[in-house]
Amino acid sequence: MAQRNRPPRRRERPSQPQAATQAGPRKPGGLDQLEGRNPVLECLSRKRRRMHKLLIDERARAHPKLDRLLQSAAAQGVGLLRVPREELDAISLTGVHNGVIAWVDPLTAPSLTELLDGLDAQGIEPFLILVDEPQYEHNLGAILRSALGAGVHAVVVPRVRGKEVNAVVQRVAMGAAEVVPVIREGLSSCLAMLERRAVRIIGAEHGGQPHWQVNMTGAVAIVLGGEDKGLTAPLLKRCHAIATIPTSGDLQSLNLSVTAGVLMYERVRQQTVSR
């Protein structure tokens, strides 16, 4: 289901931020770097992890969103540092910081067992997205953003393969990474556990039923392959149904994050009409 063509390569940036000057800001080890007003404001609003330092463009103009951000940071005792925009450019890992960079505690996530136990205790049917090999940060970030809107309880990616939830992923997710946990566990063992818990497993792949004909109500896990390949044979064997998104013309498949978004919101539609 995922598009085989690779997206345009983004401009490479250093793996470790470099200050513009010797006295410029340097991120302490072990912290995440958040960039952009929306992700930083969402982090402050959710209060799920501590923000250690907030760096603001010293020439930033007054703006309602920036005002809320500064007020929230002050209320939580976050250290504020106003710096030249050039220094923010120098340490940016995404290239799109909008004059705001923050250093925060790393994201945490429960195990799949802990998540399912917690949902079961609340009488909530789980809705999960599993992605075998997400290689591009923008796809994983976009999946998280759509997952937040669709009410997904977690996104699961393999421990070994797939991108970390780095600065680019969190920037693209626009705050969704604060809410939707990314669980890193082996997909085969996760699918076996979901089967035991009577969760319906739906694979996204060619050769299945049109996605609107596949039952996605109730406890559901949607499984996708990576950008360069579909689902592997062992994963396909675990699926109770295969959903295919029909395309026209010469288009063979959709982008990974678009595929995920279409299927997530088909699940939302079916849940809504079934009530």
Protein backbone atom coordinates (compact mmCIF):
# COMPACT_ATOMS: atom_id res chain seq x y z
CA MET A 1 0.00 0.00 0.00
CA ALA A 2 2.84 2.42 0.68
CA GLN A 3 4.36 4.44 -2.13
CA ARG A 4 7.66 3.02 -3.40
CA ASN A 5 9.08 6.32 -4.58
CA ARG A 6 11.31 8.02 -2.08
CA PRO A 7 10.39 11.59 -1.10
CA PRO A 8 12.79 14.42 -1.93
CA ARG A 9 15.80 14.39 0.33
CA ARG A 10 15.80 17.17 2.87
CA ARG A 11 18.88 19.22 3.53
CA GLU A 12 21.15 17.36 5.92
CA ARG A 13 21.82 18.88 9.32
CA PRO A 14 24.38 17.96 11.94
CA SER A 15 23.35 15.19 14.31
CA GLN A 16 24.43 17.35 17.24
CA PRO A 17 23.46 21.03 17.44
CA GLN A 18 26.32 23.45 16.96
CA ALA A 19 26.18 26.90 18.50
CA ALA A 20 26.75 29.87 16.21
CA THR A 21 29.29 31.29 18.60
CA GLN A 22 31.42 29.91 21.38
CA ALA A 23 29.02 31.45 23.90
CA GLY A 24 25.92 30.25 22.02
CA PRO A 25 23.35 27.87 23.52
CA ARG A 26 24.09 24.15 23.61
CA LYS A 27 21.52 21.48 24.39
CA PRO A 28 22.32 19.40 27.48
CA GLY A 29 22.69 15.69 26.82
CA GLY A 30 19.69 13.44 27.29
CA LEU A 31 17.05 16.04 26.45
CA ASP A 32 14.72 16.34 23.47
CA GLN A 33 14.75 19.42 21.27
CA LEU A 34 11.35 20.83 20.31
CA GLU A 35 11.09 23.39 17.54
CA GLY A 36 8.22 25.66 16.52
CA ARG A 37 5.52 27.50 18.41
CA ASN A 38 2.82 24.84 18.13
CA PRO A 39 4.87 21.85 19.38
CA VAL A 40 6.36 23.89 22.25
CA LEU A 41 2.98 25.34 23.25
CA GLU A 42 1.40 21.89 23.16
CA CYS A 43 4.16 20.53 25.40
CA LEU A 44 3.59 23.34 27.89
CA SER A 45 -0.18 22.84 27.78
CA ARG A 46 -0.09 19.07 28.31
CA LYS A 47 2.47 19.27 31.16
CA ARG A 48 3.47 15.64 30.65
CA ARG A 49 7.20 16.29 30.58
CA ARG A 50 9.39 18.98 32.05
CA MET A 51 10.66 21.83 29.92
CA HIS A 52 14.15 22.86 31.01
CA LYS A 53 14.92 25.83 28.77
CA LEU A 54 13.06 27.98 26.26
CA LEU A 55 15.00 29.84 23.56
CA ILE A 56 13.22 32.71 21.78
CA ASP A 57 14.28 34.87 18.86
CA GLU A 58 15.23 38.16 20.48
CA ARG A 59 13.59 40.05 17.60
CA ALA A 60 10.32 38.06 17.65
CA ARG A 61 7.28 40.29 17.26
CA ALA A 62 4.37 40.18 19.69
CA HIS A 63 1.78 37.56 18.74
CA PRO A 64 -1.13 36.01 20.71
CA LYS A 65 0.29 32.48 20.38
CA LEU A 66 3.76 33.62 21.43
CA ASP A 67 2.24 35.52 24.36
CA ARG A 68 0.43 32.36 25.55
CA LEU A 69 3.61 30.38 25.18
CA LEU A 70 5.64 32.85 27.25
CA GLN A 71 2.95 33.11 29.93
CA SER A 72 2.70 29.35 30.27
CA ALA A 73 6.49 28.96 30.41
CA ALA A 74 6.74 31.64 33.11
CA ALA A 75 3.97 29.99 35.16
CA GLN A 76 5.86 26.69 35.05
CA GLY A 77 9.20 28.24 35.94
CA VAL A 78 10.87 27.49 32.62
CA GLY A 79 14.16 29.31 32.09
CA LEU A 80 13.93 31.78 29.19
CA LEU A 81 16.80 32.78 26.96
CA ARG A 82 16.42 35.39 24.19
CA VAL A 83 19.03 34.86 21.48
CA PRO A 84 19.77 36.12 17.96
CA ARG A 85 17.87 34.25 15.28
CA GLU A 86 21.18 33.21 13.77
CA GLU A 87 21.93 31.15 16.86
CA LEU A 88 18.56 29.41 16.61
CA ASP A 89 19.29 28.69 12.94
CA ALA A 90 22.64 27.20 13.92
CA ILE A 91 21.24 24.71 16.45
CA SER A 92 17.99 23.91 14.64
CA LEU A 93 17.56 20.24 13.71
CA THR A 94 14.48 20.78 11.53
CA GLY A 95 15.18 24.02 9.70
CA VAL A 96 11.70 25.28 10.70
CA HIS A 97 11.87 26.62 14.24
CA ASN A 98 9.77 29.80 13.80
CA GLY A 99 11.90 31.56 16.38
CA VAL A 100 11.18 29.07 19.18
CA ILE A 101 13.28 26.13 20.44
CA ALA A 102 12.84 24.29 23.74
CA TRP A 103 14.79 21.59 25.57
CA VAL A 104 12.53 19.09 27.31
CA ASP A 105 12.60 15.69 28.98
CA PRO A 106 12.46 12.79 26.49
CA LEU A 107 9.12 11.27 25.55
CA THR A 108 8.07 8.16 27.43
CA ALA A 109 5.65 5.42 26.40
CA PRO A 110 4.01 2.47 28.13
CA SER A 111 4.54 -1.08 26.99
CA LEU A 112 1.79 -2.51 24.81
CA THR A 113 0.70 -4.71 27.70
CA GLU A 114 0.43 -1.70 30.01
CA LEU A 115 -1.54 0.25 27.42
CA LEU A 116 -4.00 -2.56 26.76
CA ASP A 117 -4.46 -3.27 30.46
CA GLY A 118 -5.20 0.39 31.08
CA LEU A 119 -7.76 0.57 28.27
CA ASP A 120 -9.38 -2.66 29.41
CA ALA A 121 -9.73 -1.31 32.94
CA GLN A 122 -11.63 1.68 31.52
CA GLY A 123 -13.80 -0.44 29.24
CA ILE A 124 -12.27 1.15 26.12
CA GLU A 125 -11.80 -0.82 22.91
CA PRO A 126 -8.24 -0.30 21.65
CA PHE A 127 -7.51 1.39 18.34
CA LEU A 128 -3.87 0.98 17.29
CA ILE A 129 -1.66 1.67 14.29
CA LEU A 130 1.35 -0.59 13.67
CA VAL A 131 3.96 0.42 11.10
CA ASP A 132 6.63 -2.09 10.11
CA GLU A 133 9.41 0.17 8.80
CA PRO A 134 8.76 3.92 8.84
CA GLN A 135 12.00 5.28 7.39
CA TYR A 136 11.12 8.93 6.85
CA GLU A 137 10.56 11.33 9.73
CA HIS A 138 7.87 13.29 7.89
CA ASN A 139 5.73 10.18 7.40
CA LEU A 140 5.92 9.14 11.05
CA GLY A 141 5.17 12.70 12.17
CA ALA A 142 2.18 12.94 9.82
CA ILE A 143 0.87 9.57 11.03
CA LEU A 144 1.02 10.80 14.62
CA ARG A 145 -0.82 14.00 13.68
CA SER A 146 -3.62 12.04 11.98
CA ALA A 147 -3.67 9.50 14.82
CA LEU A 148 -4.41 12.25 17.33
CA GLY A 149 -7.41 13.44 15.36
CA ALA A 150 -8.71 9.91 14.78
CA GLY A 151 -8.53 8.87 18.42
CA VAL A 152 -5.74 6.31 18.03
CA HIS A 153 -4.45 5.08 21.38
CA ALA A 154 -0.87 4.33 20.26
CA VAL A 155 1.39 3.89 17.26
CA VAL A 156 3.65 0.82 17.39
CA VAL A 157 6.94 0.59 15.47
CA PRO A 158 9.69 -2.03 15.70
CA ARG A 159 12.55 -1.65 18.17
CA VAL A 160 15.24 -2.13 15.55
CA ARG A 161 13.72 -0.78 12.33
CA GLY A 162 12.05 2.56 11.83
CA LYS A 163 12.71 6.14 12.81
CA GLU A 164 13.03 7.44 16.35
CA VAL A 165 10.63 10.16 17.49
CA ASN A 166 13.26 12.82 16.88
CA ALA A 167 13.04 16.60 16.49
CA VAL A 168 11.76 16.38 12.90
CA VAL A 169 9.06 13.83 13.78
CA GLN A 170 7.87 15.96 16.68
CA ARG A 171 7.90 19.12 14.55
CA VAL A 172 5.75 17.50 11.84
CA ALA A 173 3.44 15.95 14.46
CA MET A 174 2.70 19.50 15.73
CA GLY A 175 2.18 18.42 19.33
CA ALA A 176 0.55 15.03 18.65
CA ALA A 177 3.63 13.23 20.01
CA GLU A 178 2.72 14.65 23.43
CA VAL A 179 -0.54 12.69 23.36
CA VAL A 180 -0.19 9.61 21.15
CA PRO A 181 2.54 7.31 22.51
CA VAL A 182 4.95 5.60 20.14
CA ILE A 183 5.58 2.08 21.46
CA ARG A 184 8.73 0.37 20.19
CA GLU A 185 8.26 -3.40 20.29
CA GLY A 186 8.53 -6.31 17.87
CA LEU A 187 5.48 -6.36 15.62
CA SER A 188 5.12 -10.14 15.48
CA SER A 189 4.91 -10.48 19.26
CA CYS A 190 2.57 -7.46 19.41
CA LEU A 191 0.21 -8.99 16.86
CA ALA A 192 0.23 -12.30 18.74
CA MET A 193 -0.74 -10.44 21.90
CA LEU A 194 -3.49 -8.53 20.10
CA GLU A 195 -4.90 -11.80 18.75
CA ARG A 196 -5.07 -13.23 22.26
CA ARG A 197 -6.97 -10.14 23.36
CA ALA A 198 -9.51 -10.43 20.53
CA VAL A 199 -8.33 -7.33 18.70
CA ARG A 200 -9.19 -7.45 14.99
CA ILE A 201 -6.03 -7.04 12.87
CA ILE A 202 -6.37 -5.32 9.50
CA GLY A 203 -3.48 -5.20 7.06
CA ALA A 204 -3.03 -2.48 4.45
CA GLU A 205 -1.92 -4.19 1.24
CA HIS A 206 -2.80 -4.78 -2.41
CA GLY A 207 -5.19 -7.57 -3.30
CA GLY A 208 -7.64 -7.10 -0.44
CA GLN A 209 -11.14 -5.71 -0.19
CA PRO A 210 -11.82 -2.03 -0.83
CA HIS A 211 -11.18 -0.36 2.50
CA TRP A 212 -14.80 0.75 2.97
CA GLN A 213 -15.93 -2.88 2.80
CA VAL A 214 -13.64 -4.04 5.61
CA ASN A 215 -15.15 -4.05 9.09
CA MET A 216 -13.09 -1.64 11.22
CA THR A 217 -15.44 -1.23 14.17
CA GLY A 218 -14.67 -2.35 17.71
CA ALA A 219 -11.19 -3.28 18.92
CA VAL A 220 -8.94 -2.79 15.88
CA ALA A 221 -5.26 -2.67 14.93
CA ILE A 222 -4.28 -1.44 11.46
CA VAL A 223 -0.93 -2.74 10.19
CA LEU A 224 1.13 -1.03 7.48
CA GLY A 225 4.44 -1.84 5.83
CA GLY A 226 7.20 0.67 5.14
CA GLU A 227 7.69 3.27 2.43
CA ASP A 228 9.63 0.94 0.14
CA LYS A 229 7.72 -2.30 0.58
CA GLY A 230 4.43 -3.77 1.64
CA LEU A 231 3.66 -6.10 4.50
CA THR A 232 5.89 -9.13 4.90
CA ALA A 233 4.41 -12.63 4.62
CA PRO A 234 4.65 -13.32 8.40
CA LEU A 235 2.74 -10.12 9.18
CA LEU A 236 0.13 -10.81 6.51
CA LYS A 237 -0.55 -14.22 8.08
CA ARG A 238 -1.49 -12.47 11.32
CA CYS A 239 -4.11 -10.26 9.65
CA HIS A 240 -7.80 -11.09 9.88
CA ALA A 241 -8.59 -8.92 6.85
CA ILE A 242 -6.73 -7.01 4.13
CA ALA A 243 -7.84 -3.50 3.20
CA THR A 244 -6.90 -1.99 -0.17
CA ILE A 245 -7.32 1.66 -1.12
CA PRO A 246 -8.31 1.66 -4.81
CA THR A 247 -6.44 4.13 -7.02
CA SER A 248 -7.03 5.23 -10.60
CA GLY A 249 -4.80 5.91 -13.57
CA ASP A 250 -1.16 4.90 -13.31
CA LEU A 251 -0.97 5.48 -9.56
CA GLN A 252 -0.04 2.18 -7.92
CA SER A 253 -0.16 3.22 -4.28
CA LEU A 254 -0.38 6.12 -1.86
CA ASN A 255 2.20 7.62 0.44
CA LEU A 256 2.55 5.76 3.74
CA SER A 257 1.13 8.55 5.89
CA VAL A 258 -1.74 9.16 3.44
CA THR A 259 -2.60 5.45 3.47
CA ALA A 260 -2.60 5.48 7.26
CA GLY A 261 -4.77 8.60 7.33
CA VAL A 262 -7.36 7.18 4.92
CA LEU A 263 -7.70 3.97 6.93
CA MET A 264 -7.80 5.75 10.29
CA TYR A 265 -10.66 7.96 9.21
CA GLU A 266 -12.50 5.09 7.56
CA ARG A 267 -12.47 3.53 11.01
CA VAL A 268 -13.83 6.81 12.46
CA ARG A 269 -16.59 6.87 9.82
CA GLN A 270 -17.62 3.29 10.51
CA GLN A 271 -17.66 3.78 14.25
CA THR A 272 -19.83 6.86 13.82
CA VAL A 273 -22.44 5.25 11.56
CA SER A 274 -22.58 2.08 13.68
CA ARG A 275 -23.77 3.95 16.76
